[in-house]
PDB file of N, CA and C in Angstrom:
ATOM      1  N   MET A   1     101.418  82.713 125.531  1.00  0.00           N
ATOM      2  CA  MET A   1     103.027  82.859 126.186  1.00  0.00           C
ATOM      3  C   MET A   1     103.386  84.726 125.649  1.00  0.00           C
ATOM      4  N   LEU A   2     103.019  85.791 127.399  1.00  0.00           N
ATOM      5  CA  LEU A   2     102.688  86.983 127.256  1.00  0.00           C
ATOM      6  C   LEU A   2     104.693  87.870 126.305  1.00  0.00           C
ATOM      7  N   TRP A   3     104.792  88.570 125.868  1.00  0.00           N
ATOM      8  CA  TRP A   3     106.523  89.442 125.263  1.00  0.00           C
ATOM      9  C   TRP A   3     106.415  90.141 126.002  1.00  0.00           C
ATOM     10  N   THR A   4     108.040  90.793 126.868  1.00  0.00           N
ATOM     11  CA  THR A   4     107.665  91.909 126.565  1.00  0.00           C
ATOM     12  C   THR A   4     109.171  92.526 126.193  1.00  0.00           C
ATOM     13  N   ALA A   5     109.607  93.446 126.798  1.00  0.00           N
ATOM     14  CA  ALA A   5     110.398  93.568 125.640  1.00  0.00           C
ATOM     15  C   ALA A   5     112.271  93.277 125.577  1.00  0.00           C
ATOM     16  N   HIS A   6     112.347  92.382 126.933  1.00  0.00           N
ATOM     17  CA  HIS A   6     113.217  91.872 127.097  1.00  0.00           C
ATOM     18  C   HIS A   6     113.697  90.352 126.530  1.00  0.00           C
ATOM     19  N   SER A   7     112.074  89.656 125.889  1.00  0.00           N
ATOM     20  CA  SER A   7     112.298  88.674 126.181  1.00  0.00           C
ATOM     21  C   SER A   7     113.105  87.512 125.337  1.00  0.00           C
ATOM     22  N   PRO A   8     113.650  86.735 124.637  1.00  0.00           N
ATOM     23  CA  PRO A   8     113.961  86.173 124.307  1.00  0.00           C
ATOM     24  C   PRO A   8     113.575  86.101 122.813  1.00  0.00           C
ATOM     25  N   ALA A   9     111.921  85.925 122.981  1.00  0.00           N
ATOM     26  CA  ALA A   9     111.124  85.668 121.822  1.00  0.00           C
ATOM     27  C   ALA A   9     110.965  87.030 121.050  1.00  0.00           C
ATOM     28  N   ALA A  10     110.522  88.137 121.593  1.00  0.00           N
ATOM     29  CA  ALA A  10     110.969  89.334 121.185  1.00  0.00           C
ATOM     30  C   ALA A  10     112.302  89.896 120.856  1.00  0.00           C
ATOM     31  N   ALA A  11     112.937  89.598 121.379  1.00  0.00           N
ATOM     32  CA  ALA A  11     114.428  90.018 120.862  1.00  0.00           C
ATOM     33  C   ALA A  11     115.143  89.171 119.704  1.00  0.00           C
ATOM     34  N   GLN A  12     114.080  88.157 119.517  1.00  0.00           N
ATOM     35  CA  GLN A  12     114.555  87.216 118.218  1.00  0.00           C
ATOM     36  C   GLN A  12     113.706  87.678 116.729  1.00  0.00           C
ATOM     37  N   SER A  13     112.476  88.774 117.206  1.00  0.00           N
ATOM     38  CA  SER A  13     111.304  89.008 116.276  1.00  0.00           C
ATOM     39  C   SER A  13     111.814  90.280 115.627  1.00  0.00           C
ATOM     40  N   VAL A  14     112.522  91.230 116.999  1.00  0.00           N
ATOM     41  CA  VAL A  14     113.417  92.434 116.213  1.00  0.00           C
ATOM     42  C   VAL A  14     114.286  92.465 115.301  1.00  0.00           C
ATOM     43  N   GLU A  15     115.579  90.923 115.940  1.00  0.00           N
ATOM     44  CA  GLU A  15     116.280  90.900 114.919  1.00  0.00           C
ATOM     45  C   GLU A  15     115.873  90.209 113.450  1.00  0.00           C
ATOM     46  N   ARG A  16     114.702  89.046 113.633  1.00  0.00           N
ATOM     47  CA  ARG A  16     114.045  88.663 111.950  1.00  0.00           C
ATOM     48  C   ARG A  16     113.776  90.231 111.403  1.00  0.00           C
ATOM     49  N   GLY A  17     113.188  90.581 112.421  1.00  0.00           N
ATOM     50  CA  GLY A  17     112.301  91.833 111.811  1.00  0.00           C
ATOM     51  C   GLY A  17     113.200  92.942 110.950  1.00  0.00           C
ATOM     52  N   ALA A  18     114.695  92.832 111.182  1.00  0.00           N
ATOM     53  CA  ALA A  18     116.026  94.045 111.136  1.00  0.00           C
ATOM     54  C   ALA A  18     116.309  93.452 110.187  1.00  0.00           C
ATOM     55  N   ALA A  19     116.295  92.103 109.634  1.00  0.00           N
ATOM     56  CA  ALA A  19     117.255  91.332 108.156  1.00  0.00           C
ATOM     57  C   ALA A  19     116.061  91.657 107.218  1.00  0.00           C
ATOM     58  N   LEU A  20     114.570  91.337 107.465  1.00  0.00           N
ATOM     59  CA  LEU A  20     113.720  91.328 106.671  1.00  0.00           C
ATOM     60  C   LEU A  20     113.406  92.909 105.904  1.00  0.00           C
ATOM     61  N   TYR A  21     113.824  94.262 107.213  1.00  0.00           N
ATOM     62  CA  TYR A  21     113.718  94.892 106.319  1.00  0.00           C
ATOM     63  C   TYR A  21     115.101  95.413 105.635  1.00  0.00           C
ATOM     64  N   ALA A  22     116.451  94.947 106.018  1.00  0.00           N
ATOM     65  CA  ALA A  22     117.283  95.506 105.277  1.00  0.00           C
ATOM     66  C   ALA A  22     116.726  94.445 103.704  1.00  0.00           C
ATOM     67  N   ALA A  23     115.913  93.398 103.677  1.00  0.00           N
ATOM     68  CA  ALA A  23     116.360  93.209 102.815  1.00  0.00           C
ATOM     69  C   ALA A  23     115.097  93.399 101.795  1.00  0.00           C
ATOM     70  N   HIS A  24     113.900  93.435 102.351  1.00  0.00           N
ATOM     71  CA  HIS A  24     112.824  94.180 101.336  1.00  0.00           C
ATOM     72  C   HIS A  24     111.906  95.693 101.570  1.00  0.00           C
ATOM     73  N   CYS A  25     113.055  96.197 102.435  1.00  0.00           N
ATOM     74  CA  CYS A  25     112.953  97.911 102.675  1.00  0.00           C
ATOM     75  C   CYS A  25     113.777  98.766 102.136  1.00  0.00           C
ATOM     76  N   SER A  26     114.901  98.119 102.771  1.00  0.00           N
ATOM     77  CA  SER A  26     115.742  99.347 102.305  1.00  0.00           C
ATOM     78  C   SER A  26     116.608  99.673 101.081  1.00  0.00           C
ATOM     79  N   SER A  27     115.681  99.515  99.883  1.00  0.00           N
ATOM     80  CA  SER A  27     115.922  99.723  98.624  1.00  0.00           C
ATOM     81  C   SER A  27     115.331 101.413  98.446  1.00  0.00           C
ATOM     82  N   CYS A  28     114.388 100.854  99.417  1.00  0.00           N
ATOM     83  CA  CYS A  28     113.824 102.994  99.328  1.00  0.00           C
ATOM     84  C   CYS A  28     114.041 103.312 100.104  1.00  0.00           C
ATOM     85  N   HIS A  29     113.597 102.372 101.659  1.00  0.00           N
ATOM     86  CA  HIS A  29     114.068 103.488 102.738  1.00  0.00           C
ATOM     87  C   HIS A  29     115.364 102.794 103.099  1.00  0.00           C
ATOM     88  N   SER A  30     115.566 103.643 104.612  1.00  0.00           N
ATOM     89  CA  SER A  30     116.282 103.760 105.966  1.00  0.00           C
ATOM     90  C   SER A  30     115.580 104.435 107.000  1.00  0.00           C
ATOM     91  N   ALA A  31     117.122 104.268 108.196  1.00  0.00           N
ATOM     92  CA  ALA A  31     116.041 104.887 109.519  1.00  0.00           C
ATOM     93  C   ALA A  31     116.322 106.249 109.319  1.00  0.00           C
ATOM     94  N   ASP A  32     117.130 106.806 108.570  1.00  0.00           N
ATOM     95  CA  ASP A  32     117.639 108.473 108.984  1.00  0.00           C
ATOM     96  C   ASP A  32     117.625 108.937 107.375  1.00  0.00           C
ATOM     97  N   GLN A  33     117.578 108.342 106.188  1.00  0.00           N
ATOM     98  CA  GLN A  33     117.809 109.491 105.163  1.00  0.00           C
ATOM     99  C   GLN A  33     116.803 108.604 104.759  1.00  0.00           C
ATOM    100  N   HIS A  34     115.583 110.261 103.961  1.00  0.00           N
ATOM    101  CA  HIS A  34     114.909 109.682 103.116  1.00  0.00           C
ATOM    102  C   HIS A  34     115.133 109.045 101.465  1.00  0.00           C
ATOM    103  N   GLY A  35     114.729 108.018 100.922  1.00  0.00           N
ATOM    104  CA  GLY A  35     114.995 107.215  99.822  1.00  0.00           C
ATOM    105  C   GLY A  35     113.840 107.580  99.032  1.00  0.00           C
ATOM    106  N   ASP A  36     113.689 106.219  98.090  1.00  0.00           N
ATOM    107  CA  ASP A  36     112.138 107.201  96.745  1.00  0.00           C
ATOM    108  C   ASP A  36     110.792 106.700  98.552  1.00  0.00           C
ATOM    109  N   GLY A  37     111.351 106.443  99.448  1.00  0.00           N
ATOM    110  CA  GLY A  37     110.619 106.517 100.293  1.00  0.00           C
ATOM    111  C   GLY A  37     110.834 107.389 101.351  1.00  0.00           C
ATOM    112  N   PRO A  38     110.643 107.446 102.087  1.00  0.00           N
ATOM    113  CA  PRO A  38     110.381 108.448 103.533  1.00  0.00           C
ATOM    114  C   PRO A  38     111.387 107.745 104.891  1.00  0.00           C
ATOM    115  N   ALA A  39     112.255 108.564 105.696  1.00  0.00           N
ATOM    116  CA  ALA A  39     112.908 107.856 106.728  1.00  0.00           C
ATOM    117  C   ALA A  39     111.760 107.055 107.505  1.00  0.00           C
ATOM    118  N   HIS A  40     112.147 105.682 108.681  1.00  0.00           N
ATOM    119  CA  HIS A  40     111.895 106.137 109.506  1.00  0.00           C
ATOM    120  C   HIS A  40     111.917 105.893 110.747  1.00  0.00           C
ATOM    121  N   ARG A  41     112.889 106.926 110.875  1.00  0.00           N
ATOM    122  CA  ARG A  41     113.504 106.442 112.367  1.00  0.00           C
ATOM    123  C   ARG A  41     111.777 107.642 113.440  1.00  0.00           C
ATOM    124  N   GLY A  42     111.286 106.880 114.191  1.00  0.00           N
ATOM    125  CA  GLY A  42     110.083 107.535 114.690  1.00  0.00           C
ATOM    126  C   GLY A  42     109.024 107.404 114.178  1.00  0.00           C
ATOM    127  N   VAL A  43     108.521 105.889 113.400  1.00  0.00           N
ATOM    128  CA  VAL A  43     107.492 105.996 112.754  1.00  0.00           C
ATOM    129  C   VAL A  43     106.532 105.532 113.492  1.00  0.00           C
ATOM    130  N   VAL A  44     106.780 104.966 114.524  1.00  0.00           N
ATOM    131  CA  VAL A  44     105.288 104.563 115.084  1.00  0.00           C
ATOM    132  C   VAL A  44     105.574 105.841 115.958  1.00  0.00           C
ATOM    133  N   GLY A  45     103.785 105.982 115.959  1.00  0.00           N
ATOM    134  CA  GLY A  45     103.538 107.163 116.394  1.00  0.00           C
ATOM    135  C   GLY A  45     103.320 108.363 115.996  1.00  0.00           C
ATOM    136  N   ARG A  46     104.431 108.744 114.970  1.00  0.00           N
ATOM    137  CA  ARG A  46     103.781 109.547 113.574  1.00  0.00           C
ATOM    138  C   ARG A  46     102.714 109.767 112.620  1.00  0.00           C
ATOM    139  N   ARG A  47     102.531 111.047 112.236  1.00  0.00           N
ATOM    140  CA  ARG A  47     101.063 110.796 111.507  1.00  0.00           C
ATOM    141  C   ARG A  47     101.342 110.400 110.571  1.00  0.00           C
ATOM    142  N   ALA A  48     100.583 109.501 109.106  1.00  0.00           N
ATOM    143  CA  ALA A  48     101.095 109.557 107.796  1.00  0.00           C
ATOM    144  C   ALA A  48     101.457 110.921 106.927  1.00  0.00           C
ATOM    145  N   GLY A  49     102.223 110.584 105.896  1.00  0.00           N
ATOM    146  CA  GLY A  49     102.457 112.352 105.500  1.00  0.00           C
ATOM    147  C   GLY A  49     103.248 113.639 106.474  1.00  0.00           C
ATOM    148  N   ALA A  50     103.817 112.889 107.490  1.00  0.00           N
ATOM    149  CA  ALA A  50     104.119 113.888 108.321  1.00  0.00           C
ATOM    150  C   ALA A  50     105.254 114.839 108.333  1.00  0.00           C
ATOM    151  N   LEU A  51     106.455 113.526 107.779  1.00  0.00           N
ATOM    152  CA  LEU A  51     107.520 114.968 107.533  1.00  0.00           C
ATOM    153  C   LEU A  51     108.036 116.045 106.676  1.00  0.00           C
ATOM    154  N   LYS A  52     107.869 116.850 106.863  1.00  0.00           N
ATOM    155  CA  LYS A  52     107.930 117.883 106.368  1.00  0.00           C
ATOM    156  C   LYS A  52     108.706 118.070 104.972  1.00  0.00           C
ATOM    157  N   ASP A  53     110.111 117.127 104.951  1.00  0.00           N
ATOM    158  CA  ASP A  53     111.084 117.757 104.018  1.00  0.00           C
ATOM    159  C   ASP A  53     110.801 115.568 102.949  1.00  0.00           C
ATOM    160  N   PHE A  54     110.230 115.519 103.282  1.00  0.00           N
ATOM    161  CA  PHE A  54     109.666 114.720 101.862  1.00  0.00           C
ATOM    162  C   PHE A  54     108.082 114.965 101.337  1.00  0.00           C
ATOM    163  N   ASP A  55     108.377 114.424 100.403  1.00  0.00           N
ATOM    164  CA  ASP A  55     107.507 114.568  98.971  1.00  0.00           C
ATOM    165  C   ASP A  55     106.175 113.438  99.130  1.00  0.00           C
ATOM    166  N   TYR A  56     105.566 113.338 100.165  1.00  0.00           N
ATOM    167  CA  TYR A  56     104.648 112.169  99.728  1.00  0.00           C
ATOM    168  C   TYR A  56     103.550 112.087  98.715  1.00  0.00           C
ATOM    169  N   SER A  57     102.848 111.393  98.263  1.00  0.00           N
ATOM    170  CA  SER A  57     101.712 111.553  97.265  1.00  0.00           C
ATOM    171  C   SER A  57     100.710 112.287  98.213  1.00  0.00           C
ATOM    172  N   PRO A  58      99.898 112.133  97.657  1.00  0.00           N
ATOM    173  CA  PRO A  58      98.876 113.512  97.883  1.00  0.00           C
ATOM    174  C   PRO A  58      98.006 112.702  99.047  1.00  0.00           C
ATOM    175  N   ALA A  59      97.627 110.705  98.284  1.00  0.00           N
ATOM    176  CA  ALA A  59      96.870 110.713  98.837  1.00  0.00           C
ATOM    177  C   ALA A  59      97.115 110.186 100.848  1.00  0.00           C
ATOM    178  N   LEU A  60      98.480 109.864 100.936  1.00  0.00           N
ATOM    179  CA  LEU A  60      99.380 109.731 101.905  1.00  0.00           C
ATOM    180  C   LEU A  60      98.979 111.334 102.861  1.00  0.00           C
ATOM    181  N   SER A  61      99.677 112.091 102.097  1.00  0.00           N
ATOM    182  CA  SER A  61      99.144 113.678 103.187  1.00  0.00           C
ATOM    183  C   SER A  61      97.986 113.682 103.321  1.00  0.00           C
ATOM    184  N   ALA A  62      97.028 113.502 102.318  1.00  0.00           N
ATOM    185  CA  ALA A  62      95.632 114.035 103.121  1.00  0.00           C
ATOM    186  C   ALA A  62      94.797 112.650 103.997  1.00  0.00           C
ATOM    187  N   SER A  63      96.105 111.672 104.398  1.00  0.00           N
ATOM    188  CA  SER A  63      95.309 110.082 105.008  1.00  0.00           C
ATOM    189  C   SER A  63      94.881 110.393 106.437  1.00  0.00           C
ATOM    190  N   ARG A  64      95.433 111.723 106.905  1.00  0.00           N
ATOM    191  CA  ARG A  64      95.220 111.463 108.290  1.00  0.00           C
ATOM    192  C   ARG A  64      95.404 110.600 109.149  1.00  0.00           C
ATOM    193  N   ILE A  65      96.291 109.519 108.959  1.00  0.00           N
ATOM    194  CA  ILE A  65      96.551 107.646 109.361  1.00  0.00           C
ATOM    195  C   ILE A  65      97.547 108.030 110.803  1.00  0.00           C
ATOM    196  N   LEU A  66      97.485 107.481 111.605  1.00  0.00           N
ATOM    197  CA  LEU A  66      98.944 107.664 112.616  1.00  0.00           C
ATOM    198  C   LEU A  66      98.911 106.306 112.709  1.00  0.00           C
ATOM    199  N   TRP A  67     100.470 106.353 112.889  1.00  0.00           N
ATOM    200  CA  TRP A  67     101.582 104.886 112.850  1.00  0.00           C
ATOM    201  C   TRP A  67     101.084 104.561 113.522  1.00  0.00           C
ATOM    202  N   THR A  68     100.311 103.825 114.005  1.00  0.00           N
ATOM    203  CA  THR A  68     100.375 102.421 115.274  1.00  0.00           C
ATOM    204  C   THR A  68     101.242 101.419 114.529  1.00  0.00           C
ATOM    205  N   ARG A  69     101.477 100.329 115.618  1.00  0.00           N
ATOM    206  CA  ARG A  69     101.580  98.665 115.906  1.00  0.00           C
ATOM    207  C   ARG A  69     100.829  98.266 114.411  1.00  0.00           C
ATOM    208  N   ALA A  70      99.196  98.874 114.748  1.00  0.00           N
ATOM    209  CA  ALA A  70      98.420  98.094 114.460  1.00  0.00           C
ATOM    210  C   ALA A  70      98.340  98.454 112.988  1.00  0.00           C
ATOM    211  N   THR A  71      98.384  99.655 112.682  1.00  0.00           N
ATOM    212  CA  THR A  71      97.895 100.113 111.576  1.00  0.00           C
ATOM    213  C   THR A  71      99.036 100.370 110.515  1.00  0.00           C
ATOM    214  N   LEU A  72     100.492  99.996 110.543  1.00  0.00           N
ATOM    215  CA  LEU A  72     101.691  99.686 109.877  1.00  0.00           C
ATOM    216  C   LEU A  72     101.488  98.005 109.721  1.00  0.00           C
ATOM    217  N   LYS A  73     100.809  97.348 110.326  1.00  0.00           N
ATOM    218  CA  LYS A  73     101.072  96.121 109.941  1.00  0.00           C
ATOM    219  C   LYS A  73      99.560  95.656 108.866  1.00  0.00           C
ATOM    220  N   ALA A  74      98.853  96.601 109.107  1.00  0.00           N
ATOM    221  CA  ALA A  74      98.074  96.950 108.036  1.00  0.00           C
ATOM    222  C   ALA A  74      98.248  97.714 106.969  1.00  0.00           C
ATOM    223  N   TRP A  75      99.238  97.930 106.803  1.00  0.00           N
ATOM    224  CA  TRP A  75      99.979  99.174 105.584  1.00  0.00           C
ATOM    225  C   TRP A  75     100.292  97.802 104.294  1.00  0.00           C
ATOM    226  N   LEU A  76     101.906  96.714 105.745  1.00  0.00           N
ATOM    227  CA  LEU A  76     102.267  96.112 104.857  1.00  0.00           C
ATOM    228  C   LEU A  76     101.912  95.119 104.053  1.00  0.00           C
ATOM    229  N   ARG A  77     100.302  94.597 104.709  1.00  0.00           N
ATOM    230  CA  ARG A  77      99.299  93.238 104.018  1.00  0.00           C
ATOM    231  C   ARG A  77      98.710  93.899 102.966  1.00  0.00           C
ATOM    232  N   ASP A  78      98.268  95.530 103.117  1.00  0.00           N
ATOM    233  CA  ASP A  78      97.820  95.863 101.847  1.00  0.00           C
ATOM    234  C   ASP A  78      97.994  97.218 101.980  1.00  0.00           C
ATOM    235  N   PRO A  79      98.979  98.109 101.302  1.00  0.00           N
ATOM    236  CA  PRO A  79      99.124  99.899 101.319  1.00  0.00           C
ATOM    237  C   PRO A  79      98.067 100.445 100.812  1.00  0.00           C
ATOM    238  N   GLU A  80      97.506  99.836  99.495  1.00  0.00           N
ATOM    239  CA  GLU A  80      96.028 100.702  98.448  1.00  0.00           C
ATOM    240  C   GLU A  80      95.128 100.629  99.298  1.00  0.00           C
ATOM    241  N   ALA A  81      95.219  99.290 100.034  1.00  0.00           N
ATOM    242  CA  ALA A  81      93.636  98.698 100.840  1.00  0.00           C
ATOM    243  C   ALA A  81      93.397  99.801 101.569  1.00  0.00           C
ATOM    244  N   LEU A  82      95.043 100.349 101.809  1.00  0.00           N
ATOM    245  CA  LEU A  82      94.749 101.181 103.518  1.00  0.00           C
ATOM    246  C   LEU A  82      94.905 102.868 103.506  1.00  0.00           C
ATOM    247  N   ILE A  83      95.165 103.191 102.426  1.00  0.00           N
ATOM    248  CA  ILE A  83      94.899 104.307 101.244  1.00  0.00           C
ATOM    249  C   ILE A  83      95.431 104.225 100.217  1.00  0.00           C
ATOM    250  N   PRO A  84      94.565 104.247  99.444  1.00  0.00           N
ATOM    251  CA  PRO A  84      94.254 103.982  97.847  1.00  0.00           C
ATOM    252  C   PRO A  84      94.092 105.836  97.497  1.00  0.00           C
ATOM    253  N   GLY A  85      95.657 104.961  96.330  1.00  0.00           N
ATOM    254  CA  GLY A  85      96.054 106.291  95.863  1.00  0.00           C
ATOM    255  C   GLY A  85      97.877 106.458  96.436  1.00  0.00           C
ATOM    256  N   GLN A  86      97.924 106.180  96.861  1.00  0.00           N
ATOM    257  CA  GLN A  86      99.396 106.109  97.923  1.00  0.00           C
ATOM    258  C   GLN A  86     100.648 106.266  97.141  1.00  0.00           C
ATOM    259  N   GLY A  87     100.649 105.048  96.305  1.00  0.00           N
ATOM    260  CA  GLY A  87     102.156 104.562  95.598  1.00  0.00           C
ATOM    261  C   GLY A  87     103.023 103.535  96.062  1.00  0.00           C
ATOM    262  N   MET A  88     102.944 102.484  97.192  1.00  0.00           N
ATOM    263  CA  MET A  88     103.780 101.922  97.321  1.00  0.00           C
ATOM    264  C   MET A  88     103.466 100.656  96.424  1.00  0.00           C
ATOM    265  N   ASP A  89     104.081  99.817  96.471  1.00  0.00           N
ATOM    266  CA  ASP A  89     104.137  99.233  95.607  1.00  0.00           C
ATOM    267  C   ASP A  89     104.321  98.178  95.592  1.00  0.00           C
ATOM    268  N   TYR A  90     104.938  97.764  97.291  1.00  0.00           N
ATOM    269  CA  TYR A  90     105.432  96.467  97.706  1.00  0.00           C
ATOM    270  C   TYR A  90     104.111  96.068  98.744  1.00  0.00           C
ATOM    271  N   GLN A  91     104.593  94.957  99.846  1.00  0.00           N
ATOM    272  CA  GLN A  91     103.731  94.578 100.446  1.00  0.00           C
ATOM    273  C   GLN A  91     104.439  93.401 101.646  1.00  0.00           C
ATOM    274  N   LEU A  92     103.830  92.294 101.996  1.00  0.00           N
ATOM    275  CA  LEU A  92     104.368  91.613 102.923  1.00  0.00           C
ATOM    276  C   LEU A  92     103.813  90.602 103.481  1.00  0.00           C
ATOM    277  N   ASP A  93     103.193  89.674 102.692  1.00  0.00           N
ATOM    278  CA  ASP A  93     102.299  88.818 102.679  1.00  0.00           C
ATOM    279  C   ASP A  93     102.095  88.046 103.193  1.00  0.00           C
ATOM    280  N   GLN A  94     103.472  87.270 104.457  1.00  0.00           N
ATOM    281  CA  GLN A  94     103.846  86.438 105.456  1.00  0.00           C
ATOM    282  C   GLN A  94     103.086  87.557 106.736  1.00  0.00           C
ATOM    283  N   ALA A  95     102.105  87.377 107.424  1.00  0.00           N
ATOM    284  CA  ALA A  95     101.958  87.837 108.898  1.00  0.00           C
ATOM    285  C   ALA A  95     102.701  88.019 109.888  1.00  0.00           C
ATOM    286  N   ARG A  96     103.789  86.785 110.198  1.00  0.00           N
ATOM    287  CA  ARG A  96     104.865  86.934 110.556  1.00  0.00           C
ATOM    288  C   ARG A  96     106.250  87.659 110.386  1.00  0.00           C
ATOM    289  N   ASP A  97     105.792  87.734 108.836  1.00  0.00           N
ATOM    290  CA  ASP A  97     106.945  88.818 108.741  1.00  0.00           C
ATOM    291  C   ASP A  97     106.583  90.559 109.001  1.00  0.00           C
ATOM    292  N   ARG A  98     105.053  90.701 108.796  1.00  0.00           N
ATOM    293  CA  ARG A  98     104.530  91.920 109.041  1.00  0.00           C
ATOM    294  C   ARG A  98     105.233  91.905 110.325  1.00  0.00           C
ATOM    295  N   GLU A  99     104.682  92.029 111.492  1.00  0.00           N
ATOM    296  CA  GLU A  99     104.556  91.659 113.074  1.00  0.00           C
ATOM    297  C   GLU A  99     106.124  91.680 112.827  1.00  0.00           C
ATOM    298  N   ASP A 100     107.359  91.242 112.213  1.00  0.00           N
ATOM    299  CA  ASP A 100     108.561  91.533 112.841  1.00  0.00           C
ATOM    300  C   ASP A 100     109.327  92.369 113.012  1.00  0.00           C
ATOM    301  N   VAL A 101     109.008  92.773 111.004  1.00  0.00           N
ATOM    302  CA  VAL A 101     109.365  94.190 110.807  1.00  0.00           C
ATOM    303  C   VAL A 101     108.777  94.871 110.942  1.00  0.00           C
ATOM    304  N   VAL A 102     107.235  95.601 112.143  1.00  0.00           N
ATOM    305  CA  VAL A 102     106.638  96.177 113.060  1.00  0.00           C
ATOM    306  C   VAL A 102     107.499  96.305 114.010  1.00  0.00           C
ATOM    307  N   ALA A 103     108.039  95.409 114.709  1.00  0.00           N
ATOM    308  CA  ALA A 103     108.383  95.682 115.910  1.00  0.00           C
ATOM    309  C   ALA A 103     109.951  95.690 116.112  1.00  0.00           C
ATOM    310  N   TYR A 104     110.320  95.444 114.223  1.00  0.00           N
ATOM    311  CA  TYR A 104     112.127  96.477 114.340  1.00  0.00           C
ATOM    312  C   TYR A 104     111.987  97.954 113.901  1.00  0.00           C
ATOM    313  N   LEU A 105     110.801  98.046 113.166  1.00  0.00           N
ATOM    314  CA  LEU A 105     110.446  99.884 113.476  1.00  0.00           C
ATOM    315  C   LEU A 105     110.450 100.555 115.005  1.00  0.00           C
ATOM    316  N   ALA A 106     109.520  99.954 115.688  1.00  0.00           N
ATOM    317  CA  ALA A 106     108.966 100.175 116.751  1.00  0.00           C
ATOM    318  C   ALA A 106     110.549 100.253 117.408  1.00  0.00           C
ATOM    319  N   THR A 107     112.061  99.295 117.515  1.00  0.00           N
ATOM    320  CA  THR A 107     112.957 100.403 117.834  1.00  0.00           C
ATOM    321  C   THR A 107     113.794 101.767 117.281  1.00  0.00           C
ATOM    322  N   LEU A 108     112.875 101.803 116.327  1.00  0.00           N
ATOM    323  CA  LEU A 108     113.888 103.222 115.899  1.00  0.00           C
ATOM    324  C   LEU A 108     113.724 104.333 116.503  1.00  0.00           C
ATOM    325  N   LYS A 109     113.388 104.646 117.921  1.00  0.00           N
ATOM    326  CA  LYS A 109     113.124 105.710 118.399  1.00  0.00           C
ATOM    327  C   LYS A 109     112.814 107.403 117.521  1.00  0.00           C
ATOM    328  N   ARG A 110     112.361 108.199 117.596  1.00  0.00           N
ATOM    329  CA  ARG A 110     112.863 109.523 117.355  1.00  0.00           C
ATOM    330  C   ARG A 110     114.289 110.042 117.985  1.00  0.00           C
ATOM    331  N   LEU A 111     114.407 110.602 117.426  1.00  0.00           N
ATOM    332  CA  LEU A 111     116.149 111.941 118.562  1.00  0.00           C
ATOM    333  C   LEU A 111     115.719 112.313 119.066  1.00  0.00           C
ATOM    334  N   PRO A 112     116.433 112.860 120.098  1.00  0.00           N
ATOM    335  CA  PRO A 112     116.091 114.423 120.637  1.00  0.00           C
ATOM    336  C   PRO A 112     116.474 115.474 119.265  1.00  0.00           C
ATOM    337  N   SER A 113     115.751 116.420 119.544  1.00  0.00           N
ATOM    338  CA  SER A 113     116.020 117.512 118.806  1.00  0.00           C
ATOM    339  C   SER A 113     117.244 118.961 119.532  1.00  0.00           C
ATOM    340  N   PRO A 114     117.684 118.976 118.694  1.00  0.00           N
ATOM    341  CA  PRO A 114     119.198 119.562 119.369  1.00  0.00           C
ATOM    342  C   PRO A 114     118.468 120.624 119.963  1.00  0.00           C
ATOM    343  N   GLU A 115     117.825 121.211 120.090  1.00  0.00           N
ATOM    344  CA  GLU A 115     117.441 122.124 121.321  1.00  0.00           C
ATOM    345  C   GLU A 115     116.500 121.774 122.748  1.00  0.00           C
ATOM    346  N   SER A 116     116.139 120.515 122.625  1.00  0.00           N
ATOM    347  CA  SER A 116     115.676 120.097 123.657  1.00  0.00           C
ATOM    348  C   SER A 116     117.609 118.951 124.165  1.00  0.00           C
ATOM    349  N   ALA A 117     118.204 118.504 123.178  1.00  0.00           N
ATOM    350  CA  ALA A 117     119.069 117.894 123.361  1.00  0.00           C
ATOM    351  C   ALA A 117     120.295 118.686 124.278  1.00  0.00           C
ATOM    352  N   ALA A 118     120.052 120.109 123.592  1.00  0.00           N
ATOM    353  CA  ALA A 118     121.136 120.579 124.765  1.00  0.00           C
ATOM    354  C   ALA A 118     119.981 121.472 125.891  1.00  0.00           C
ATOM    355  N   ARG A 119     119.005 121.443 126.165  1.00  0.00           N
ATOM    356  CA  ARG A 119     118.640 121.979 127.883  1.00  0.00           C
ATOM    357  C   ARG A 119     119.488 121.010 128.717  1.00  0.00           C
TER     358      ARG A 119
END
């Protein structure tokens, strides 16, 4: 079955991912505010350690990883295996949970900068 962005299965995946994110990730992260972890809006397509106003671990800052759906799923499976010394000590054990959380993260698009919005 091919999922499109508007298919019922894709919508359920995003909805389930949002619930999983709220239950498992929101104690350290949110879409727009830093907590113990960085904000996640625009994470898909961003370099690891790239937000200038967050204090990343040296390992994460030096990693040069680009957050794609695949790298995010690998990260959620085992962050330490992907980036040794990175500092996040949580993982999602179930592949479907990782898939759904990443589907949700992909909906958190970057907001336009004030400069581009003024054009």
